[in-house]
Amino acid sequence: MRAFLGKIWWRGVRFGFRLLYNEMAWTYDGVAWMVSLGQWRNWQRTALKHLPSSEGIILELAHGTGNLQIDLHTAGYQSIGLDLSRAMGTIARRKLKRHHIVPRLVRGRGQVLPFPDQCFNAVVTTFPTPFIFEQETLKEIHRVLKPKGQLIIVLNGLITSKDIISRTLEFAYRITGQRSDDSTADATLEEHFHSIGFHIELINEPCKRSIAQLIIATPIKEQTPVYR
């Protein structure tokens, strides 16, 4: 019975996330603000600190509602966004046009990127779903990155305040699978990225009452990615 109820719970969680990224995408910004106590955009922007110089083109995977596309434009970067969700694409285009930014958005899957080899200075993604860790996705990112490029993942935001609201939100993150207590997770993650041809660095960026957790992945020099 416990296993059965567990399966029902996780199906419900996955269904909820699917709605948030598709039919309910119009609620995404508001939900993100609430579950982060207003820190979501600060967590997102920590990616900018780790981008290379403003020369070249940046690819954002899972661009969502387009917020980081606005940040990249403001910071002087040329960028392209890719997202599988048609609803997110519609919202992002409208938002970019309101900010007088020409949308450069593509609908597609991270596992099959419609771009030539070694064309991006960096690939960035913020709070992605598990697709980002799939071998097919990482192989494609490795392929489209320039040799000195970087993959920047803003993986999580941890609320460090200890008040009742913060503790409740952290509990909600845990029961929806967005936190892990596995002490071997970092080593497993490093091994996984290394098998594709990446060296990774795990970074904590301090924010107001919180910490943003990032993964910086760099192609390993003179190493051919292992394609299984």
C-alpha atoms as a PDB file:
ATOM      1  CA  MET A   1       0.000   0.000   0.000  1.00  0.00           C
ATOM      2  CA  ARG A   2       2.798   2.432   0.895  1.00  0.00           C
ATOM      3  CA  ALA A   3       4.543   1.799  -2.433  1.00  0.00           C
ATOM      4  CA  PHE A   4       1.271   2.245  -4.293  1.00  0.00           C
ATOM      5  CA  LEU A   5       0.540   5.558  -2.555  1.00  0.00           C
ATOM      6  CA  GLY A   6       4.111   6.661  -3.307  1.00  0.00           C
ATOM      7  CA  LYS A   7       3.587   6.006  -7.020  1.00  0.00           C
ATOM      8  CA  ILE A   8       0.332   7.963  -6.976  1.00  0.00           C
ATOM      9  CA  TRP A   9       2.072  10.872  -5.218  1.00  0.00           C
ATOM     10  CA  TRP A  10       4.929  11.097  -7.707  1.00  0.00           C
ATOM     11  CA  ARG A  11       2.564  10.843 -10.649  1.00  0.00           C
ATOM     12  CA  GLY A  12       0.664  13.765  -9.173  1.00  0.00           C
ATOM     13  CA  VAL A  13       3.883  15.762  -8.715  1.00  0.00           C
ATOM     14  CA  ARG A  14       4.949  15.140 -12.325  1.00  0.00           C
ATOM     15  CA  PHE A  15       1.481  16.063 -13.564  1.00  0.00           C
ATOM     16  CA  GLY A  16       1.588  19.295 -11.562  1.00  0.00           C
ATOM     17  CA  PHE A  17       4.946  20.278 -13.059  1.00  0.00           C
ATOM     18  CA  ARG A  18       3.687  19.436 -16.562  1.00  0.00           C
ATOM     19  CA  LEU A  19       0.731  21.770 -16.054  1.00  0.00           C
ATOM     20  CA  LEU A  20       3.014  24.522 -14.735  1.00  0.00           C
ATOM     21  CA  TYR A  21       5.215  24.371 -17.835  1.00  0.00           C
ATOM     22  CA  ASN A  22       2.333  24.093 -20.297  1.00  0.00           C
ATOM     23  CA  GLU A  23      -1.384  24.805 -19.700  1.00  0.00           C
ATOM     24  CA  MET A  24      -0.684  26.791 -16.528  1.00  0.00           C
ATOM     25  CA  ALA A  25       2.471  28.503 -17.803  1.00  0.00           C
ATOM     26  CA  TRP A  26       0.799  31.895 -17.322  1.00  0.00           C
ATOM     27  CA  THR A  27       1.083  31.302 -13.529  1.00  0.00           C
ATOM     28  CA  TYR A  28       4.799  30.411 -13.631  1.00  0.00           C
ATOM     29  CA  ASP A  29       6.289  33.785 -12.654  1.00  0.00           C
ATOM     30  CA  GLY A  30       3.877  34.202  -9.769  1.00  0.00           C
ATOM     31  CA  VAL A  31       4.409  30.664  -8.489  1.00  0.00           C
ATOM     32  CA  ALA A  32       8.202  31.045  -8.745  1.00  0.00           C
ATOM     33  CA  TRP A  33       8.067  34.288  -6.767  1.00  0.00           C
ATOM     34  CA  MET A  34       5.961  32.722  -4.023  1.00  0.00           C
ATOM     35  CA  VAL A  35       7.950  29.505  -3.570  1.00  0.00           C
ATOM     36  CA  SER A  36      11.236  31.456  -3.391  1.00  0.00           C
ATOM     37  CA  LEU A  37      10.007  34.223  -1.078  1.00  0.00           C
ATOM     38  CA  GLY A  38      10.726  36.672  -3.885  1.00  0.00           C
ATOM     39  CA  GLN A  39      14.277  35.444  -4.571  1.00  0.00           C
ATOM     40  CA  TRP A  40      13.705  33.517  -7.820  1.00  0.00           C
ATOM     41  CA  ARG A  41      14.974  36.265 -10.091  1.00  0.00           C
ATOM     42  CA  ASN A  42      18.031  36.859  -7.888  1.00  0.00           C
ATOM     43  CA  TRP A  43      18.829  33.154  -8.094  1.00  0.00           C
ATOM     44  CA  GLN A  44      18.449  33.252 -11.874  1.00  0.00           C
ATOM     45  CA  ARG A  45      20.753  36.229 -12.247  1.00  0.00           C
ATOM     46  CA  THR A  46      23.644  34.470 -10.477  1.00  0.00           C
ATOM     47  CA  ALA A  47      24.247  32.764 -13.836  1.00  0.00           C
ATOM     48  CA  LEU A  48      25.370  36.083 -15.324  1.00  0.00           C
ATOM     49  CA  LYS A  49      28.411  36.218 -13.022  1.00  0.00           C
ATOM     50  CA  HIS A  50      29.826  33.088 -14.639  1.00  0.00           C
ATOM     51  CA  LEU A  51      29.260  33.858 -18.307  1.00  0.00           C
ATOM     52  CA  PRO A  52      32.251  34.615 -20.556  1.00  0.00           C
ATOM     53  CA  SER A  53      32.797  38.020 -22.157  1.00  0.00           C
ATOM     54  CA  SER A  54      29.878  39.487 -24.064  1.00  0.00           C
ATOM     55  CA  GLU A  55      31.381  38.395 -27.387  1.00  0.00           C
ATOM     56  CA  GLY A  56      29.783  35.450 -29.171  1.00  0.00           C
ATOM     57  CA  ILE A  57      26.330  33.961 -28.679  1.00  0.00           C
ATOM     58  CA  ILE A  58      24.740  32.449 -25.569  1.00  0.00           C
ATOM     59  CA  LEU A  59      22.192  29.628 -25.780  1.00  0.00           C
ATOM     60  CA  GLU A  60      19.587  29.423 -23.028  1.00  0.00           C
ATOM     61  CA  LEU A  61      17.959  26.028 -22.654  1.00  0.00           C
ATOM     62  CA  ALA A  62      14.410  25.978 -21.276  1.00  0.00           C
ATOM     63  CA  HIS A  63      13.983  29.764 -21.567  1.00  0.00           C
ATOM     64  CA  GLY A  64      10.613  29.646 -19.808  1.00  0.00           C
ATOM     65  CA  THR A  65       8.826  33.000 -19.635  1.00  0.00           C
ATOM     66  CA  GLY A  66      11.834  34.872 -21.025  1.00  0.00           C
ATOM     67  CA  ASN A  67      13.176  36.607 -17.925  1.00  0.00           C
ATOM     68  CA  LEU A  68      16.795  35.569 -18.412  1.00  0.00           C
ATOM     69  CA  GLN A  69      16.606  36.524 -22.082  1.00  0.00           C
ATOM     70  CA  ILE A  70      15.871  40.081 -20.905  1.00  0.00           C
ATOM     71  CA  ASP A  71      18.792  39.940 -18.445  1.00  0.00           C
ATOM     72  CA  LEU A  72      21.168  38.696 -21.145  1.00  0.00           C
ATOM     73  CA  HIS A  73      20.096  41.464 -23.533  1.00  0.00           C
ATOM     74  CA  THR A  74      20.498  44.104 -20.803  1.00  0.00           C
ATOM     75  CA  ALA A  75      24.003  42.774 -20.030  1.00  0.00           C
ATOM     76  CA  GLY A  76      25.010  43.142 -23.694  1.00  0.00           C
ATOM     77  CA  TYR A  77      24.888  39.495 -24.770  1.00  0.00           C
ATOM     78  CA  GLN A  78      23.527  38.064 -27.987  1.00  0.00           C
ATOM     79  CA  SER A  79      21.357  35.107 -27.052  1.00  0.00           C
ATOM     80  CA  ILE A  80      19.055  32.442 -28.421  1.00  0.00           C
ATOM     81  CA  GLY A  81      16.474  30.661 -26.279  1.00  0.00           C
ATOM     82  CA  LEU A  82      15.139  27.140 -26.741  1.00  0.00           C
ATOM     83  CA  ASP A  83      12.135  25.598 -25.009  1.00  0.00           C
ATOM     84  CA  LEU A  84       9.895  22.630 -25.717  1.00  0.00           C
ATOM     85  CA  SER A  85       6.776  24.307 -24.311  1.00  0.00           C
ATOM     86  CA  ARG A  86       4.699  26.161 -26.888  1.00  0.00           C
ATOM     87  CA  ALA A  87       2.987  28.074 -24.073  1.00  0.00           C
ATOM     88  CA  MET A  88       6.301  29.286 -22.647  1.00  0.00           C
ATOM     89  CA  GLY A  89       7.361  30.392 -26.112  1.00  0.00           C
ATOM     90  CA  THR A  90       4.211  32.467 -26.533  1.00  0.00           C
ATOM     91  CA  ILE A  91       4.616  34.143 -23.138  1.00  0.00           C
ATOM     92  CA  ALA A  92       8.334  34.810 -23.669  1.00  0.00           C
ATOM     93  CA  ARG A  93       7.791  36.383 -27.103  1.00  0.00           C
ATOM     94  CA  ARG A  94       5.155  38.755 -25.760  1.00  0.00           C
ATOM     95  CA  LYS A  95       7.333  39.708 -22.807  1.00  0.00           C
ATOM     96  CA  LEU A  96      10.411  40.362 -24.966  1.00  0.00           C
ATOM     97  CA  LYS A  97       8.430  42.501 -27.395  1.00  0.00           C
ATOM     98  CA  ARG A  98       7.097  44.573 -24.488  1.00  0.00           C
ATOM     99  CA  HIS A  99      10.746  45.231 -23.580  1.00  0.00           C
ATOM    100  CA  HIS A 100      11.510  46.145 -27.233  1.00  0.00           C
ATOM    101  CA  ILE A 101      13.704  43.070 -27.678  1.00  0.00           C
ATOM    102  CA  VAL A 102      13.529  41.041 -30.882  1.00  0.00           C
ATOM    103  CA  PRO A 103      12.746  37.461 -29.772  1.00  0.00           C
ATOM    104  CA  ARG A 104      15.264  34.871 -30.896  1.00  0.00           C
ATOM    105  CA  LEU A 105      13.445  31.810 -29.627  1.00  0.00           C
ATOM    106  CA  VAL A 106      13.292  28.268 -30.960  1.00  0.00           C
ATOM    107  CA  ARG A 107      10.896  25.496 -30.028  1.00  0.00           C
ATOM    108  CA  GLY A 108      12.747  22.228 -29.611  1.00  0.00           C
ATOM    109  CA  ARG A 109      14.182  19.539 -27.366  1.00  0.00           C
ATOM    110  CA  GLY A 110      17.462  19.781 -25.498  1.00  0.00           C
ATOM    111  CA  GLN A 111      18.253  16.228 -26.562  1.00  0.00           C
ATOM    112  CA  VAL A 112      18.266  17.235 -30.259  1.00  0.00           C
ATOM    113  CA  LEU A 113      19.602  20.780 -30.604  1.00  0.00           C
ATOM    114  CA  PRO A 114      18.973  22.331 -34.043  1.00  0.00           C
ATOM    115  CA  PHE A 115      22.328  24.120 -34.151  1.00  0.00           C
ATOM    116  CA  PRO A 116      25.716  23.448 -35.799  1.00  0.00           C
ATOM    117  CA  ASP A 117      28.800  22.250 -33.937  1.00  0.00           C
ATOM    118  CA  GLN A 118      30.805  24.624 -31.726  1.00  0.00           C
ATOM    119  CA  CYS A 119      28.628  27.693 -32.292  1.00  0.00           C
ATOM    120  CA  PHE A 120      27.982  28.936 -28.721  1.00  0.00           C
ATOM    121  CA  ASN A 121      30.292  30.597 -26.220  1.00  0.00           C
ATOM    122  CA  ALA A 122      28.101  29.368 -23.386  1.00  0.00           C
ATOM    123  CA  VAL A 123      24.953  27.399 -22.682  1.00  0.00           C
ATOM    124  CA  VAL A 124      22.922  28.474 -19.662  1.00  0.00           C
ATOM    125  CA  THR A 125      19.853  27.030 -17.988  1.00  0.00           C
ATOM    126  CA  THR A 126      18.110  27.949 -14.755  1.00  0.00           C
ATOM    127  CA  PHE A 127      16.067  25.527 -12.642  1.00  0.00           C
ATOM    128  CA  PRO A 128      15.783  22.950 -15.427  1.00  0.00           C
ATOM    129  CA  THR A 129      13.787  19.738 -15.221  1.00  0.00           C
ATOM    130  CA  PRO A 130      15.783  16.440 -15.199  1.00  0.00           C
ATOM    131  CA  PHE A 131      16.191  16.539 -18.998  1.00  0.00           C
ATOM    132  CA  ILE A 132      19.393  18.535 -18.456  1.00  0.00           C
ATOM    133  CA  PHE A 133      21.154  15.508 -16.946  1.00  0.00           C
ATOM    134  CA  GLU A 134      20.192  13.075 -19.684  1.00  0.00           C
ATOM    135  CA  GLN A 135      23.158  11.833 -21.688  1.00  0.00           C
ATOM    136  CA  GLU A 136      21.556  12.907 -24.952  1.00  0.00           C
ATOM    137  CA  THR A 137      21.194  16.474 -23.681  1.00  0.00           C
ATOM    138  CA  LEU A 138      24.738  16.731 -22.338  1.00  0.00           C
ATOM    139  CA  LYS A 139      26.167  15.266 -25.538  1.00  0.00           C
ATOM    140  CA  GLU A 140      24.312  17.870 -27.570  1.00  0.00           C
ATOM    141  CA  ILE A 141      25.492  20.690 -25.301  1.00  0.00           C
ATOM    142  CA  HIS A 142      29.070  19.419 -25.600  1.00  0.00           C
ATOM    143  CA  ARG A 143      28.676  19.389 -29.384  1.00  0.00           C
ATOM    144  CA  VAL A 144      27.395  22.963 -29.753  1.00  0.00           C
ATOM    145  CA  LEU A 145      29.808  24.543 -27.249  1.00  0.00           C
ATOM    146  CA  LYS A 146      33.022  26.126 -28.442  1.00  0.00           C
ATOM    147  CA  PRO A 147      36.159  24.446 -26.997  1.00  0.00           C
ATOM    148  CA  LYS A 148      36.533  27.116 -24.293  1.00  0.00           C
ATOM    149  CA  GLY A 149      32.806  27.445 -23.708  1.00  0.00           C
ATOM    150  CA  GLN A 150      30.891  26.672 -20.535  1.00  0.00           C
ATOM    151  CA  LEU A 151      27.625  25.136 -19.475  1.00  0.00           C
ATOM    152  CA  ILE A 152      26.124  27.070 -16.556  1.00  0.00           C
ATOM    153  CA  ILE A 153      23.275  25.500 -14.610  1.00  0.00           C
ATOM    154  CA  VAL A 154      21.465  27.312 -11.820  1.00  0.00           C
ATOM    155  CA  LEU A 155      20.235  24.148 -10.175  1.00  0.00           C
ATOM    156  CA  ASN A 156      18.602  25.168  -6.909  1.00  0.00           C
ATOM    157  CA  GLY A 157      17.909  27.986  -4.533  1.00  0.00           C
ATOM    158  CA  LEU A 158      18.130  27.180  -0.818  1.00  0.00           C
ATOM    159  CA  ILE A 159      16.290  29.390   1.635  1.00  0.00           C
ATOM    160  CA  THR A 160      18.524  29.863   4.673  1.00  0.00           C
ATOM    161  CA  SER A 161      16.063  31.740   6.892  1.00  0.00           C
ATOM    162  CA  LYS A 162      14.697  29.669   9.782  1.00  0.00           C
ATOM    163  CA  ASP A 163      11.249  31.210  10.185  1.00  0.00           C
ATOM    164  CA  ILE A 164       8.150  29.029   9.869  1.00  0.00           C
ATOM    165  CA  ILE A 165       7.378  30.080   6.287  1.00  0.00           C
ATOM    166  CA  SER A 166      10.910  29.276   5.108  1.00  0.00           C
ATOM    167  CA  ARG A 167      10.898  25.897   6.860  1.00  0.00           C
ATOM    168  CA  THR A 168       7.535  25.078   5.316  1.00  0.00           C
ATOM    169  CA  LEU A 169       8.781  25.921   1.828  1.00  0.00           C
ATOM    170  CA  GLU A 170      11.920  23.818   2.300  1.00  0.00           C
ATOM    171  CA  PHE A 171       9.706  20.907   3.385  1.00  0.00           C
ATOM    172  CA  ALA A 172       7.628  21.379   0.227  1.00  0.00           C
ATOM    173  CA  TYR A 173      10.806  21.301  -1.901  1.00  0.00           C
ATOM    174  CA  ARG A 174      11.820  18.009  -0.279  1.00  0.00           C
ATOM    175  CA  ILE A 175       8.507  16.206  -0.704  1.00  0.00           C
ATOM    176  CA  THR A 176       8.357  17.223  -4.380  1.00  0.00           C
ATOM    177  CA  GLY A 177      11.817  15.767  -5.060  1.00  0.00           C
ATOM    178  CA  GLN A 178      13.736  19.035  -5.399  1.00  0.00           C
ATOM    179  CA  ARG A 179      16.151  18.313  -2.565  1.00  0.00           C
ATOM    180  CA  SER A 180      18.493  15.391  -1.954  1.00  0.00           C
ATOM    181  CA  ASP A 181      20.185  14.150   1.210  1.00  0.00           C
ATOM    182  CA  ASP A 182      22.353  11.666  -0.711  1.00  0.00           C
ATOM    183  CA  SER A 183      25.951  12.244   0.410  1.00  0.00           C
ATOM    184  CA  THR A 184      27.258  10.474  -2.717  1.00  0.00           C
ATOM    185  CA  ALA A 185      25.304  12.693  -5.123  1.00  0.00           C
ATOM    186  CA  ASP A 186      28.188  15.108  -5.855  1.00  0.00           C
ATOM    187  CA  ALA A 187      30.624  12.314  -6.729  1.00  0.00           C
ATOM    188  CA  THR A 188      28.041  10.599  -8.919  1.00  0.00           C
ATOM    189  CA  LEU A 189      27.307  13.891 -10.657  1.00  0.00           C
ATOM    190  CA  GLU A 190      30.994  14.511 -11.373  1.00  0.00           C
ATOM    191  CA  GLU A 191      31.393  11.009 -12.790  1.00  0.00           C
ATOM    192  CA  HIS A 192      28.331  11.432 -14.992  1.00  0.00           C
ATOM    193  CA  PHE A 193      29.519  14.742 -16.485  1.00  0.00           C
ATOM    194  CA  HIS A 194      33.075  13.422 -16.889  1.00  0.00           C
ATOM    195  CA  SER A 195      31.788  10.489 -18.964  1.00  0.00           C
ATOM    196  CA  ILE A 196      30.388  13.007 -21.471  1.00  0.00           C
ATOM    197  CA  GLY A 197      33.574  15.081 -21.569  1.00  0.00           C
ATOM    198  CA  PHE A 198      32.942  17.780 -18.957  1.00  0.00           C
ATOM    199  CA  HIS A 199      34.771  18.907 -15.847  1.00  0.00           C
ATOM    200  CA  ILE A 200      32.372  20.417 -13.317  1.00  0.00           C
ATOM    201  CA  GLU A 201      32.598  22.851 -10.444  1.00  0.00           C
ATOM    202  CA  LEU A 202      29.848  23.135  -7.846  1.00  0.00           C
ATOM    203  CA  ILE A 203      29.337  26.704  -6.624  1.00  0.00           C
ATOM    204  CA  ASN A 204      27.173  28.293  -3.938  1.00  0.00           C
ATOM    205  CA  GLU A 205      26.302  31.927  -4.603  1.00  0.00           C
ATOM    206  CA  PRO A 206      25.009  33.881  -1.587  1.00  0.00           C
ATOM    207  CA  CYS A 207      21.753  35.788  -2.074  1.00  0.00           C
ATOM    208  CA  LYS A 208      19.398  37.547   0.302  1.00  0.00           C
ATOM    209  CA  ARG A 209      18.273  35.022   2.967  1.00  0.00           C
ATOM    210  CA  SER A 210      19.255  32.229   0.582  1.00  0.00           C
ATOM    211  CA  ILE A 211      21.914  30.490  -1.503  1.00  0.00           C
ATOM    212  CA  ALA A 212      21.838  29.693  -5.216  1.00  0.00           C
ATOM    213  CA  GLN A 213      23.481  26.402  -6.183  1.00  0.00           C
ATOM    214  CA  LEU A 214      25.215  26.302  -9.563  1.00  0.00           C
ATOM    215  CA  ILE A 215      27.029  23.760 -11.701  1.00  0.00           C
ATOM    216  CA  ILE A 216      29.722  25.118 -14.034  1.00  0.00           C
ATOM    217  CA  ALA A 217      30.689  22.526 -16.651  1.00  0.00           C
ATOM    218  CA  THR A 218      33.681  23.010 -18.947  1.00  0.00           C
ATOM    219  CA  PRO A 219      34.671  20.727 -21.849  1.00  0.00           C
ATOM    220  CA  ILE A 220      37.734  18.672 -20.945  1.00  0.00           C
ATOM    221  CA  LYS A 221      40.610  19.547 -23.231  1.00  0.00           C
ATOM    222  CA  GLU A 222      41.579  16.948 -25.799  1.00  0.00           C
ATOM    223  CA  GLN A 223      38.995  14.489 -24.526  1.00  0.00           C
ATOM    224  CA  THR A 224      36.464  12.921 -26.821  1.00  0.00           C
ATOM    225  CA  PRO A 225      33.108  12.525 -25.077  1.00  0.00           C
ATOM    226  CA  VAL A 226      32.135   8.938 -24.338  1.00  0.00           C
ATOM    227  CA  TYR A 227      28.971   8.154 -26.304  1.00  0.00           C
ATOM    228  CA  ARG A 228      27.372   4.992 -25.017  1.00  0.00           C
END
